[in-house]
Amino acid sequence: MTESKKFQTVDFAQLKEIPCPCGLTKRAFLEDVDQTASFHIVKINKKSRKHYHKKTTEIYYVLEGDGFLELDDDKIALKKGISVMIKPGCRHRALGDLTIINVPVPCFDEEDEWFD
């Protein structure tokens, strides 16, 4: 990642995929804990685990694939072009063969992933 006073860039081709509750992810803009948001590309897999966040709002955007998103007691269909805002406290998991963009606000914090 290159950094200057007023902008940051990242080459996702240079990032390694790491496991996450939804599958595999590449995460950018995590270095500053006071950052407004981070940006993730997530490959959803069949082992996706339902979880929630106490502080974080997440915005999902489906890049490719089809599937579903469980949101508390609701289930909505996902396909390319669909975007969903998930507010704190909403238990959620994505299901299907999907690649999504996830924008956590504030910046992703591993300590704010909760499981029942």
PDB file of N, CA and C in Angstrom:
ATOM      1  N   MET A   1       0.851  -1.182   0.000  1.00  0.00           N
ATOM      2  CA  MET A   1       0.000   0.000   0.000  1.00  0.00           C
ATOM      3  C   MET A   1       0.888   1.235   0.000  1.00  0.00           C
ATOM      4  N   THR A   2       0.514   2.213  -0.811  1.00  0.00           N
ATOM      5  CA  THR A   2       1.217   3.489  -0.786  1.00  0.00           C
ATOM      6  C   THR A   2       0.381   4.478  -0.004  1.00  0.00           C
ATOM      7  N   GLU A   3       1.078   5.350   0.661  1.00  0.00           N
ATOM      8  CA  GLU A   3       0.389   6.258   1.555  1.00  0.00           C
ATOM      9  C   GLU A   3       0.917   7.666   1.370  1.00  0.00           C
ATOM     10  N   SER A   4       0.047   8.643   1.464  1.00  0.00           N
ATOM     11  CA  SER A   4       0.456  10.032   1.555  1.00  0.00           C
ATOM     12  C   SER A   4      -0.469  10.684   2.569  1.00  0.00           C
ATOM     13  N   LYS A   5      -0.347  11.978   2.724  1.00  0.00           N
ATOM     14  CA  LYS A   5      -1.148  12.632   3.753  1.00  0.00           C
ATOM     15  C   LYS A   5      -2.647  12.569   3.478  1.00  0.00           C
ATOM     16  N   LYS A   6      -3.062  12.621   2.197  1.00  0.00           N
ATOM     17  CA  LYS A   6      -4.486  12.735   1.915  1.00  0.00           C
ATOM     18  C   LYS A   6      -5.079  11.572   1.132  1.00  0.00           C
ATOM     19  N   PHE A   7      -4.315  10.540   0.842  1.00  0.00           N
ATOM     20  CA  PHE A   7      -4.894   9.377   0.171  1.00  0.00           C
ATOM     21  C   PHE A   7      -4.045   8.136   0.411  1.00  0.00           C
ATOM     22  N   GLN A   8      -4.661   6.992   0.175  1.00  0.00           N
ATOM     23  CA  GLN A   8      -3.980   5.703   0.257  1.00  0.00           C
ATOM     24  C   GLN A   8      -4.398   4.881  -0.951  1.00  0.00           C
ATOM     25  N   THR A   9      -3.505   4.026  -1.429  1.00  0.00           N
ATOM     26  CA  THR A   9      -3.841   3.088  -2.496  1.00  0.00           C
ATOM     27  C   THR A   9      -3.401   1.696  -2.079  1.00  0.00           C
ATOM     28  N   VAL A  10      -4.041   0.699  -2.665  1.00  0.00           N
ATOM     29  CA  VAL A  10      -3.666  -0.686  -2.396  1.00  0.00           C
ATOM     30  C   VAL A  10      -3.864  -1.496  -3.676  1.00  0.00           C
ATOM     31  N   ASP A  11      -2.972  -2.435  -3.915  1.00  0.00           N
ATOM     32  CA  ASP A  11      -3.077  -3.357  -5.043  1.00  0.00           C
ATOM     33  C   ASP A  11      -3.568  -4.692  -4.495  1.00  0.00           C
ATOM     34  N   PHE A  12      -4.837  -5.003  -4.711  1.00  0.00           N
ATOM     35  CA  PHE A  12      -5.414  -6.232  -4.165  1.00  0.00           C
ATOM     36  C   PHE A  12      -4.728  -7.478  -4.702  1.00  0.00           C
ATOM     37  N   ALA A  13      -4.109  -7.396  -5.867  1.00  0.00           N
ATOM     38  CA  ALA A  13      -3.385  -8.548  -6.416  1.00  0.00           C
ATOM     39  C   ALA A  13      -2.199  -8.918  -5.525  1.00  0.00           C
ATOM     40  N   GLN A  14      -1.718  -7.976  -4.743  1.00  0.00           N
ATOM     41  CA  GLN A  14      -0.574  -8.217  -3.859  1.00  0.00           C
ATOM     42  C   GLN A  14      -0.985  -8.696  -2.463  1.00  0.00           C
ATOM     43  N   LEU A  15      -2.266  -8.659  -2.150  1.00  0.00           N
ATOM     44  CA  LEU A  15      -2.738  -9.069  -0.824  1.00  0.00           C
ATOM     45  C   LEU A  15      -3.003 -10.566  -0.784  1.00  0.00           C
ATOM     46  N   LYS A  16      -2.742 -11.176   0.361  1.00  0.00           N
ATOM     47  CA  LYS A  16      -3.022 -12.598   0.553  1.00  0.00           C
ATOM     48  C   LYS A  16      -4.437 -12.774   1.084  1.00  0.00           C
ATOM     49  N   GLU A  17      -5.108 -13.830   0.623  1.00  0.00           N
ATOM     50  CA  GLU A  17      -6.413 -14.173   1.174  1.00  0.00           C
ATOM     51  C   GLU A  17      -6.220 -14.762   2.562  1.00  0.00           C
ATOM     52  N   ILE A  18      -7.093 -14.357   3.471  1.00  0.00           N
ATOM     53  CA  ILE A  18      -7.054 -14.900   4.825  1.00  0.00           C
ATOM     54  C   ILE A  18      -8.449 -15.407   5.194  1.00  0.00           C
ATOM     55  N   PRO A  19      -8.531 -16.395   6.085  1.00  0.00           N
ATOM     56  CA  PRO A  19      -9.842 -16.900   6.503  1.00  0.00           C
ATOM     57  C   PRO A  19     -10.617 -15.843   7.296  1.00  0.00           C
ATOM     58  N   CYS A  20     -11.937 -15.864   7.124  1.00  0.00           N
ATOM     59  CA  CYS A  20     -12.834 -15.004   7.892  1.00  0.00           C
ATOM     60  C   CYS A  20     -14.121 -15.792   8.132  1.00  0.00           C
ATOM     61  N   PRO A  21     -15.048 -15.298   8.966  1.00  0.00           N
ATOM     62  CA  PRO A  21     -16.278 -16.055   9.239  1.00  0.00           C
ATOM     63  C   PRO A  21     -17.105 -16.361   7.986  1.00  0.00           C
ATOM     64  N   CYS A  22     -16.902 -15.598   6.926  1.00  0.00           N
ATOM     65  CA  CYS A  22     -17.696 -15.784   5.702  1.00  0.00           C
ATOM     66  C   CYS A  22     -17.005 -16.650   4.654  1.00  0.00           C
ATOM     67  N   GLY A  23     -15.709 -16.842   4.776  1.00  0.00           N
ATOM     68  CA  GLY A  23     -14.960 -17.597   3.769  1.00  0.00           C
ATOM     69  C   GLY A  23     -13.515 -17.143   3.730  1.00  0.00           C
ATOM     70  N   LEU A  24     -13.139 -16.500   2.613  1.00  0.00           N
ATOM     71  CA  LEU A  24     -11.790 -15.967   2.449  1.00  0.00           C
ATOM     72  C   LEU A  24     -11.890 -14.494   2.082  1.00  0.00           C
ATOM     73  N   THR A  25     -10.979 -13.685   2.619  1.00  0.00           N
ATOM     74  CA  THR A  25     -11.046 -12.247   2.377  1.00  0.00           C
ATOM     75  C   THR A  25      -9.670 -11.660   2.116  1.00  0.00           C
ATOM     76  N   LYS A  26      -9.672 -10.550   1.391  1.00  0.00           N
ATOM     77  CA  LYS A  26      -8.514  -9.663   1.278  1.00  0.00           C
ATOM     78  C   LYS A  26      -8.986  -8.333   1.845  1.00  0.00           C
ATOM     79  N   ARG A  27      -8.205  -7.766   2.782  1.00  0.00           N
ATOM     80  CA  ARG A  27      -8.628  -6.547   3.487  1.00  0.00           C
ATOM     81  C   ARG A  27      -7.625  -5.424   3.265  1.00  0.00           C
ATOM     82  N   ALA A  28      -8.149  -4.222   3.064  1.00  0.00           N
ATOM     83  CA  ALA A  28      -7.292  -3.057   2.851  1.00  0.00           C
ATOM     84  C   ALA A  28      -7.683  -1.926   3.795  1.00  0.00           C
ATOM     85  N   PHE A  29      -6.713  -1.050   4.037  1.00  0.00           N
ATOM     86  CA  PHE A  29      -6.890   0.167   4.835  1.00  0.00           C
ATOM     87  C   PHE A  29      -7.167  -0.142   6.304  1.00  0.00           C
ATOM     88  N   LEU A  30      -6.385  -1.050   6.863  1.00  0.00           N
ATOM     89  CA  LEU A  30      -6.540  -1.461   8.265  1.00  0.00           C
ATOM     90  C   LEU A  30      -5.491  -0.855   9.193  1.00  0.00           C
ATOM     91  N   GLU A  31      -4.508  -0.203   8.644  1.00  0.00           N
ATOM     92  CA  GLU A  31      -3.349   0.217   9.438  1.00  0.00           C
ATOM     93  C   GLU A  31      -3.670   1.249  10.511  1.00  0.00           C
ATOM     94  N   ASP A  32      -4.608   2.136  10.230  1.00  0.00           N
ATOM     95  CA  ASP A  32      -4.949   3.206  11.166  1.00  0.00           C
ATOM     96  C   ASP A  32      -6.235   2.827  11.897  1.00  0.00           C
ATOM     97  N   VAL A  33      -6.153   2.590  13.198  1.00  0.00           N
ATOM     98  CA  VAL A  33      -7.335   2.170  13.962  1.00  0.00           C
ATOM     99  C   VAL A  33      -8.434   3.230  13.975  1.00  0.00           C
ATOM    100  N   ASP A  34      -8.076   4.474  13.705  1.00  0.00           N
ATOM    101  CA  ASP A  34      -9.061   5.550  13.656  1.00  0.00           C
ATOM    102  C   ASP A  34      -9.596   5.795  12.243  1.00  0.00           C
ATOM    103  N   GLN A  35      -9.235   4.915  11.313  1.00  0.00           N
ATOM    104  CA  GLN A  35      -9.696   5.021   9.931  1.00  0.00           C
ATOM    105  C   GLN A  35     -11.228   4.993   9.882  1.00  0.00           C
ATOM    106  N   THR A  36     -11.811   5.733   8.985  1.00  0.00           N
ATOM    107  CA  THR A  36     -13.265   5.804   8.847  1.00  0.00           C
ATOM    108  C   THR A  36     -13.865   4.470   8.437  1.00  0.00           C
ATOM    109  N   ALA A  37     -13.206   3.762   7.523  1.00  0.00           N
ATOM    110  CA  ALA A  37     -13.723   2.498   6.997  1.00  0.00           C
ATOM    111  C   ALA A  37     -12.559   1.664   6.480  1.00  0.00           C
ATOM    112  N   SER A  38     -12.838   0.398   6.221  1.00  0.00           N
ATOM    113  CA  SER A  38     -11.887  -0.447   5.502  1.00  0.00           C
ATOM    114  C   SER A  38     -12.624  -1.036   4.307  1.00  0.00           C
ATOM    115  N   PHE A  39     -11.897  -1.760   3.456  1.00  0.00           N
ATOM    116  CA  PHE A  39     -12.455  -2.266   2.205  1.00  0.00           C
ATOM    117  C   PHE A  39     -11.998  -3.698   2.039  1.00  0.00           C
ATOM    118  N   HIS A  40     -12.963  -4.615   1.878  1.00  0.00           N
ATOM    119  CA  HIS A  40     -12.646  -6.040   1.806  1.00  0.00           C
ATOM    120  C   HIS A  40     -13.263  -6.639   0.546  1.00  0.00           C
ATOM    121  N   ILE A  41     -12.564  -7.570  -0.066  1.00  0.00           N
ATOM    122  CA  ILE A  41     -13.151  -8.418  -1.099  1.00  0.00           C
ATOM    123  C   ILE A  41     -13.242  -9.807  -0.486  1.00  0.00           C
ATOM    124  N   VAL A  42     -14.458 -10.355  -0.464  1.00  0.00           N
ATOM    125  CA  VAL A  42     -14.723 -11.602   0.258  1.00  0.00           C
ATOM    126  C   VAL A  42     -15.278 -12.654  -0.697  1.00  0.00           C
ATOM    127  N   LYS A  43     -14.683 -13.841  -0.643  1.00  0.00           N
ATOM    128  CA  LYS A  43     -15.225 -15.007  -1.345  1.00  0.00           C
ATOM    129  C   LYS A  43     -15.988 -15.822  -0.310  1.00  0.00           C
ATOM    130  N   ILE A  44     -17.300 -15.864  -0.467  1.00  0.00           N
ATOM    131  CA  ILE A  44     -18.164 -16.586   0.466  1.00  0.00           C
ATOM    132  C   ILE A  44     -18.020 -18.084   0.212  1.00  0.00           C
ATOM    133  N   ASN A  45     -17.938 -18.869   1.297  1.00  0.00           N
ATOM    134  CA  ASN A  45     -17.904 -20.321   1.109  1.00  0.00           C
ATOM    135  C   ASN A  45     -18.986 -20.995   1.942  1.00  0.00           C
ATOM    136  N   LYS A  46     -19.094 -22.295   1.779  1.00  0.00           N
ATOM    137  CA  LYS A  46     -20.165 -23.064   2.429  1.00  0.00           C
ATOM    138  C   LYS A  46     -20.037 -23.120   3.946  1.00  0.00           C
ATOM    139  N   LYS A  47     -18.891 -22.749   4.486  1.00  0.00           N
ATOM    140  CA  LYS A  47     -18.680 -22.810   5.936  1.00  0.00           C
ATOM    141  C   LYS A  47     -18.927 -21.459   6.606  1.00  0.00           C
ATOM    142  N   SER A  48     -19.596 -20.565   5.920  1.00  0.00           N
ATOM    143  CA  SER A  48     -19.897 -19.245   6.457  1.00  0.00           C
ATOM    144  C   SER A  48     -20.611 -19.372   7.805  1.00  0.00           C
ATOM    145  N   ARG A  49     -20.141 -18.590   8.804  1.00  0.00           N
ATOM    146  CA  ARG A  49     -20.694 -18.659  10.161  1.00  0.00           C
ATOM    147  C   ARG A  49     -21.506 -17.410  10.476  1.00  0.00           C
ATOM    148  N   LYS A  50     -22.676 -17.623  11.072  1.00  0.00           N
ATOM    149  CA  LYS A  50     -23.509 -16.488  11.479  1.00  0.00           C
ATOM    150  C   LYS A  50     -22.796 -15.751  12.606  1.00  0.00           C
ATOM    151  N   HIS A  51     -22.745 -14.430  12.499  1.00  0.00           N
ATOM    152  CA  HIS A  51     -22.059 -13.598  13.484  1.00  0.00           C
ATOM    153  C   HIS A  51     -22.714 -12.220  13.499  1.00  0.00           C
ATOM    154  N   TYR A  52     -22.237 -11.370  14.402  1.00  0.00           N
ATOM    155  CA  TYR A  52     -22.732  -9.998  14.460  1.00  0.00           C
ATOM    156  C   TYR A  52     -21.629  -9.101  14.989  1.00  0.00           C
ATOM    157  N   HIS A  53     -21.884  -7.805  14.911  1.00  0.00           N
ATOM    158  CA  HIS A  53     -20.937  -6.795  15.384  1.00  0.00           C
ATOM    159  C   HIS A  53     -21.678  -5.852  16.327  1.00  0.00           C
ATOM    160  N   LYS A  54     -21.025  -5.451  17.389  1.00  0.00           N
ATOM    161  CA  LYS A  54     -21.647  -4.529  18.341  1.00  0.00           C
ATOM    162  C   LYS A  54     -21.489  -3.073  17.912  1.00  0.00           C
ATOM    163  N   LYS A  55     -20.405  -2.754  17.185  1.00  0.00           N
ATOM    164  CA  LYS A  55     -20.121  -1.371  16.811  1.00  0.00           C
ATOM    165  C   LYS A  55     -20.135  -1.124  15.305  1.00  0.00           C
ATOM    166  N   THR A  56     -19.899  -2.154  14.530  1.00  0.00           N
ATOM    167  CA  THR A  56     -19.638  -1.996  13.100  1.00  0.00           C
ATOM    168  C   THR A  56     -20.891  -2.123  12.248  1.00  0.00           C
ATOM    169  N   THR A  57     -21.046  -1.193  11.317  1.00  0.00           N
ATOM    170  CA  THR A  57     -22.009  -1.314  10.225  1.00  0.00           C
ATOM    171  C   THR A  57     -21.236  -1.848   9.029  1.00  0.00           C
ATOM    172  N   GLU A  58     -21.832  -2.804   8.299  1.00  0.00           N
ATOM    173  CA  GLU A  58     -21.179  -3.340   7.106  1.00  0.00           C
ATOM    174  C   GLU A  58     -22.056  -3.075   5.890  1.00  0.00           C
ATOM    175  N   ILE A  59     -21.415  -2.722   4.796  1.00  0.00           N
ATOM    176  CA  ILE A  59     -22.113  -2.565   3.524  1.00  0.00           C
ATOM    177  C   ILE A  59     -21.570  -3.625   2.575  1.00  0.00           C
ATOM    178  N   TYR A  60     -22.457  -4.504   2.133  1.00  0.00           N
ATOM    179  CA  TYR A  60     -22.099  -5.559   1.183  1.00  0.00           C
ATOM    180  C   TYR A  60     -22.531  -5.122  -0.218  1.00  0.00           C
ATOM    181  N   TYR A  61     -21.706  -5.457  -1.204  1.00  0.00           N
ATOM    182  CA  TYR A  61     -22.063  -5.281  -2.612  1.00  0.00           C
ATOM    183  C   TYR A  61     -21.650  -6.547  -3.344  1.00  0.00           C
ATOM    184  N   VAL A  62     -22.586  -7.198  -4.029  1.00  0.00           N
ATOM    185  CA  VAL A  62     -22.292  -8.458  -4.708  1.00  0.00           C
ATOM    186  C   VAL A  62     -21.633  -8.177  -6.059  1.00  0.00           C
ATOM    187  N   LEU A  63     -20.386  -8.642  -6.190  1.00  0.00           N
ATOM    188  CA  LEU A  63     -19.653  -8.509  -7.447  1.00  0.00           C
ATOM    189  C   LEU A  63     -20.040  -9.594  -8.441  1.00  0.00           C
ATOM    190  N   GLU A  64     -20.181 -10.823  -7.924  1.00  0.00           N
ATOM    191  CA  GLU A  64     -20.551 -11.939  -8.803  1.00  0.00           C
ATOM    192  C   GLU A  64     -21.133 -13.075  -7.986  1.00  0.00           C
ATOM    193  N   GLY A  65     -21.938 -13.890  -8.665  1.00  0.00           N
ATOM    194  CA  GLY A  65     -22.512 -15.067  -8.038  1.00  0.00           C
ATOM    195  C   GLY A  65     -23.944 -14.853  -7.584  1.00  0.00           C
ATOM    196  N   ASP A  66     -24.489 -15.926  -7.028  1.00  0.00           N
ATOM    197  CA  ASP A  66     -25.859 -15.934  -6.515  1.00  0.00           C
ATOM    198  C   ASP A  66     -25.862 -16.611  -5.157  1.00  0.00           C
ATOM    199  N   GLY A  67     -26.796 -16.216  -4.319  1.00  0.00           N
ATOM    200  CA  GLY A  67     -26.915 -16.842  -3.008  1.00  0.00           C
ATOM    201  C   GLY A  67     -27.955 -16.135  -2.171  1.00  0.00           C
ATOM    202  N   PHE A  68     -27.764 -16.234  -0.876  1.00  0.00           N
ATOM    203  CA  PHE A  68     -28.708 -15.651   0.077  1.00  0.00           C
ATOM    204  C   PHE A  68     -27.939 -14.992   1.207  1.00  0.00           C
ATOM    205  N   LEU A  69     -28.610 -14.074   1.892  1.00  0.00           N
ATOM    206  CA  LEU A  69     -28.065 -13.451   3.084  1.00  0.00           C
ATOM    207  C   LEU A  69     -29.082 -13.632   4.194  1.00  0.00           C
ATOM    208  N   GLU A  70     -28.669 -14.305   5.266  1.00  0.00           N
ATOM    209  CA  GLU A  70     -29.504 -14.434   6.455  1.00  0.00           C
ATOM    210  C   GLU A  70     -29.248 -13.216   7.326  1.00  0.00           C
ATOM    211  N   LEU A  71     -30.329 -12.527   7.694  1.00  0.00           N
ATOM    212  CA  LEU A  71     -30.264 -11.314   8.510  1.00  0.00           C
ATOM    213  C   LEU A  71     -31.256 -11.485   9.650  1.00  0.00           C
ATOM    214  N   ASP A  72     -30.768 -11.794  10.853  1.00  0.00           N
ATOM    215  CA  ASP A  72     -31.634 -12.152  11.974  1.00  0.00           C
ATOM    216  C   ASP A  72     -32.587 -13.257  11.506  1.00  0.00           C
ATOM    217  N   ASP A  73     -33.907 -12.994  11.496  1.00  0.00           N
ATOM    218  CA  ASP A  73     -34.880 -14.016  11.093  1.00  0.00           C
ATOM    219  C   ASP A  73     -35.292 -13.906   9.627  1.00  0.00           C
ATOM    220  N   ASP A  74     -34.656 -13.027   8.871  1.00  0.00           N
ATOM    221  CA  ASP A  74     -34.988 -12.848   7.455  1.00  0.00           C
ATOM    222  C   ASP A  74     -33.935 -13.499   6.565  1.00  0.00           C
ATOM    223  N   LYS A  75     -34.329 -13.780   5.337  1.00  0.00           N
ATOM    224  CA  LYS A  75     -33.414 -14.337   4.344  1.00  0.00           C
ATOM    225  C   LYS A  75     -33.713 -13.643   3.021  1.00  0.00           C
ATOM    226  N   ILE A  76     -32.689 -12.991   2.441  1.00  0.00           N
ATOM    227  CA  ILE A  76     -32.904 -12.283   1.181  1.00  0.00           C
ATOM    228  C   ILE A  76     -32.007 -12.872   0.099  1.00  0.00           C
ATOM    229  N   ALA A  77     -32.488 -12.805  -1.137  1.00  0.00           N
ATOM    230  CA  ALA A  77     -31.720 -13.302  -2.278  1.00  0.00           C
ATOM    231  C   ALA A  77     -30.624 -12.304  -2.637  1.00  0.00           C
ATOM    232  N   LEU A  78     -29.474 -12.843  -3.027  1.00  0.00           N
ATOM    233  CA  LEU A  78     -28.356 -12.022  -3.472  1.00  0.00           C
ATOM    234  C   LEU A  78     -27.988 -12.402  -4.901  1.00  0.00           C
ATOM    235  N   LYS A  79     -27.656 -11.396  -5.694  1.00  0.00           N
ATOM    236  CA  LYS A  79     -27.134 -11.602  -7.040  1.00  0.00           C
ATOM    237  C   LYS A  79     -26.277 -10.389  -7.383  1.00  0.00           C
ATOM    238  N   LYS A  80     -25.564 -10.469  -8.483  1.00  0.00           N
ATOM    239  CA  LYS A  80     -24.692  -9.376  -8.906  1.00  0.00           C
ATOM    240  C   LYS A  80     -25.458  -8.052  -8.906  1.00  0.00           C
ATOM    241  N   GLY A  81     -24.850  -7.036  -8.280  1.00  0.00           N
ATOM    242  CA  GLY A  81     -25.433  -5.701  -8.260  1.00  0.00           C
ATOM    243  C   GLY A  81     -26.249  -5.363  -7.030  1.00  0.00           C
ATOM    244  N   ILE A  82     -26.561  -6.343  -6.193  1.00  0.00           N
ATOM    245  CA  ILE A  82     -27.334  -6.093  -4.967  1.00  0.00           C
ATOM    246  C   ILE A  82     -26.401  -5.559  -3.879  1.00  0.00           C
ATOM    247  N   SER A  83     -26.877  -4.564  -3.130  1.00  0.00           N
ATOM    248  CA  SER A  83     -26.129  -4.026  -1.998  1.00  0.00           C
ATOM    249  C   SER A  83     -27.021  -4.062  -0.757  1.00  0.00           C
ATOM    250  N   VAL A  84     -26.417  -4.359   0.386  1.00  0.00           N
ATOM    251  CA  VAL A  84     -27.149  -4.460   1.650  1.00  0.00           C
ATOM    252  C   VAL A  84     -26.344  -3.771   2.742  1.00  0.00           C
ATOM    253  N   MET A  85     -27.011  -2.944   3.557  1.00  0.00           N
ATOM    254  CA  MET A  85     -26.370  -2.358   4.733  1.00  0.00           C
ATOM    255  C   MET A  85     -26.802  -3.162   5.954  1.00  0.00           C
ATOM    256  N   ILE A  86     -25.813  -3.642   6.717  1.00  0.00           N
ATOM    257  CA  ILE A  86     -26.073  -4.466   7.902  1.00  0.00           C
ATOM    258  C   ILE A  86     -25.659  -3.661   9.131  1.00  0.00           C
ATOM    259  N   LYS A  87     -26.618  -3.340   9.964  1.00  0.00           N
ATOM    260  CA  LYS A  87     -26.353  -2.490  11.128  1.00  0.00           C
ATOM    261  C   LYS A  87     -25.862  -3.309  12.321  1.00  0.00           C
ATOM    262  N   PRO A  88     -25.218  -2.652  13.295  1.00  0.00           N
ATOM    263  CA  PRO A  88     -24.740  -3.363  14.481  1.00  0.00           C
ATOM    264  C   PRO A  88     -25.866  -4.145  15.156  1.00  0.00           C
ATOM    265  N   GLY A  89     -25.523  -5.333  15.643  1.00  0.00           N
ATOM    266  CA  GLY A  89     -26.477  -6.173  16.352  1.00  0.00           C
ATOM    267  C   GLY A  89     -27.238  -7.145  15.474  1.00  0.00           C
ATOM    268  N   CYS A  90     -27.182  -6.977  14.163  1.00  0.00           N
ATOM    269  CA  CYS A  90     -27.891  -7.868  13.239  1.00  0.00           C
ATOM    270  C   CYS A  90     -27.043  -9.119  12.994  1.00  0.00           C
ATOM    271  N   ARG A  91     -27.582 -10.266  13.389  1.00  0.00           N
ATOM    272  CA  ARG A  91     -26.877 -11.524  13.148  1.00  0.00           C
ATOM    273  C   ARG A  91     -27.012 -11.865  11.668  1.00  0.00           C
ATOM    274  N   HIS A  92     -25.879 -12.196  11.037  1.00  0.00           N
ATOM    275  CA  HIS A  92     -25.904 -12.374   9.592  1.00  0.00           C
ATOM    276  C   HIS A  92     -24.873 -13.388   9.107  1.00  0.00           C
ATOM    277  N   ARG A  93     -25.175 -13.941   7.941  1.00  0.00           N
ATOM    278  CA  ARG A  93     -24.208 -14.740   7.195  1.00  0.00           C
ATOM    279  C   ARG A  93     -24.701 -14.844   5.759  1.00  0.00           C
ATOM    280  N   ALA A  94     -23.749 -14.889   4.849  1.00  0.00           N
ATOM    281  CA  ALA A  94     -24.056 -15.063   3.434  1.00  0.00           C
ATOM    282  C   ALA A  94     -23.888 -16.531   3.085  1.00  0.00           C
ATOM    283  N   LEU A  95     -24.730 -16.998   2.172  1.00  0.00           N
ATOM    284  CA  LEU A  95     -24.696 -18.384   1.722  1.00  0.00           C
ATOM    285  C   LEU A  95     -24.698 -18.402   0.202  1.00  0.00           C
ATOM    286  N   GLY A  96     -23.894 -19.267  -0.382  1.00  0.00           N
ATOM    287  CA  GLY A  96     -23.894 -19.409  -1.833  1.00  0.00           C
ATOM    288  C   GLY A  96     -22.504 -19.259  -2.399  1.00  0.00           C
ATOM    289  N   ASP A  97     -22.459 -19.192  -3.709  1.00  0.00           N
ATOM    290  CA  ASP A  97     -21.207 -19.013  -4.436  1.00  0.00           C
ATOM    291  C   ASP A  97     -21.127 -17.543  -4.822  1.00  0.00           C
ATOM    292  N   LEU A  98     -20.511 -16.740  -3.964  1.00  0.00           N
ATOM    293  CA  LEU A  98     -20.541 -15.288  -4.100  1.00  0.00           C
ATOM    294  C   LEU A  98     -19.168 -14.673  -3.907  1.00  0.00           C
ATOM    295  N   THR A  99     -18.930 -13.576  -4.592  1.00  0.00           N
ATOM    296  CA  THR A  99     -17.815 -12.693  -4.284  1.00  0.00           C
ATOM    297  C   THR A  99     -18.422 -11.325  -4.016  1.00  0.00           C
ATOM    298  N   ILE A 100     -18.085 -10.758  -2.867  1.00  0.00           N
ATOM    299  CA  ILE A 100     -18.673  -9.476  -2.474  1.00  0.00           C
ATOM    300  C   ILE A 100     -17.592  -8.470  -2.104  1.00  0.00           C
ATOM    301  N   ILE A 101     -17.972  -7.210  -2.156  1.00  0.00           N
ATOM    302  CA  ILE A 101     -17.214  -6.143  -1.507  1.00  0.00           C
ATOM    303  C   ILE A 101     -17.884  -5.932  -0.160  1.00  0.00           C
ATOM    304  N   ASN A 102     -17.089  -5.800   0.888  1.00  0.00           N
ATOM    305  CA  ASN A 102     -17.592  -5.489   2.223  1.00  0.00           C
ATOM    306  C   ASN A 102     -16.882  -4.225   2.694  1.00  0.00           C
ATOM    307  N   VAL A 103     -17.663  -3.211   3.034  1.00  0.00           N
ATOM    308  CA  VAL A 103     -17.103  -1.965   3.570  1.00  0.00           C
ATOM    309  C   VAL A 103     -17.556  -1.832   5.018  1.00  0.00           C
ATOM    310  N   PRO A 104     -16.693  -2.182   5.985  1.00  0.00           N
ATOM    311  CA  PRO A 104     -17.016  -1.995   7.398  1.00  0.00           C
ATOM    312  C   PRO A 104     -16.786  -0.539   7.829  1.00  0.00           C
ATOM    313  N   VAL A 105     -17.755   0.007   8.565  1.00  0.00           N
ATOM    314  CA  VAL A 105     -17.669   1.364   9.098  1.00  0.00           C
ATOM    315  C   VAL A 105     -17.986   1.294  10.584  1.00  0.00           C
ATOM    316  N   PRO A 106     -17.116   1.696  11.498  1.00  0.00           N
ATOM    317  CA  PRO A 106     -15.753   2.147  11.236  1.00  0.00           C
ATOM    318  C   PRO A 106     -14.878   0.999  10.736  1.00  0.00           C
ATOM    319  N   CYS A 107     -13.616   1.285  10.578  1.00  0.00           N
ATOM    320  CA  CYS A 107     -12.643   0.311  10.088  1.00  0.00           C
ATOM    321  C   CYS A 107     -12.783  -1.035  10.809  1.00  0.00           C
ATOM    322  N   PHE A 108     -12.603  -2.129  10.068  1.00  0.00           N
ATOM    323  CA  PHE A 108     -12.717  -3.479  10.621  1.00  0.00           C
ATOM    324  C   PHE A 108     -11.910  -3.629  11.908  1.00  0.00           C
ATOM    325  N   ASP A 109     -12.534  -4.244  12.900  1.00  0.00           N
ATOM    326  CA  ASP A 109     -11.896  -4.537  14.181  1.00  0.00           C
ATOM    327  C   ASP A 109     -12.192  -5.993  14.525  1.00  0.00           C
ATOM    328  N   GLU A 110     -11.169  -6.815  14.537  1.00  0.00           N
ATOM    329  CA  GLU A 110     -11.317  -8.245  14.829  1.00  0.00           C
ATOM    330  C   GLU A 110     -12.009  -8.493  16.168  1.00  0.00           C
ATOM    331  N   GLU A 111     -11.854  -7.575  17.106  1.00  0.00           N
ATOM    332  CA  GLU A 111     -12.470  -7.715  18.427  1.00  0.00           C
ATOM    333  C   GLU A 111     -13.984  -7.484  18.395  1.00  0.00           C
ATOM    334  N   ASP A 112     -14.504  -7.008  17.257  1.00  0.00           N
ATOM    335  CA  ASP A 112     -15.938  -6.740  17.140  1.00  0.00           C
ATOM    336  C   ASP A 112     -16.647  -7.797  16.282  1.00  0.00           C
ATOM    337  N   GLU A 113     -16.145  -9.024  16.301  1.00  0.00           N
ATOM    338  CA  GLU A 113     -16.828 -10.153  15.669  1.00  0.00           C
ATOM    339  C   GLU A 113     -17.343 -11.049  16.781  1.00  0.00           C
ATOM    340  N   TRP A 114     -18.655 -11.241  16.835  1.00  0.00           N
ATOM    341  CA  TRP A 114     -19.291 -11.975  17.924  1.00  0.00           C
ATOM    342  C   TRP A 114     -20.093 -13.146  17.372  1.00  0.00           C
ATOM    343  N   PHE A 115     -20.060 -14.246  18.102  1.00  0.00           N
ATOM    344  CA  PHE A 115     -20.759 -15.467  17.714  1.00  0.00           C
ATOM    345  C   PHE A 115     -21.627 -15.924  18.877  1.00  0.00           C
ATOM    346  N   ASP A 116     -22.810 -16.475  18.573  1.00  0.00           N
ATOM    347  CA  ASP A 116     -23.689 -16.994  19.627  1.00  0.00           C
ATOM    348  C   ASP A 116     -23.229 -18.371  20.065  1.00  0.00           C
TER     349      ASP A 116
END
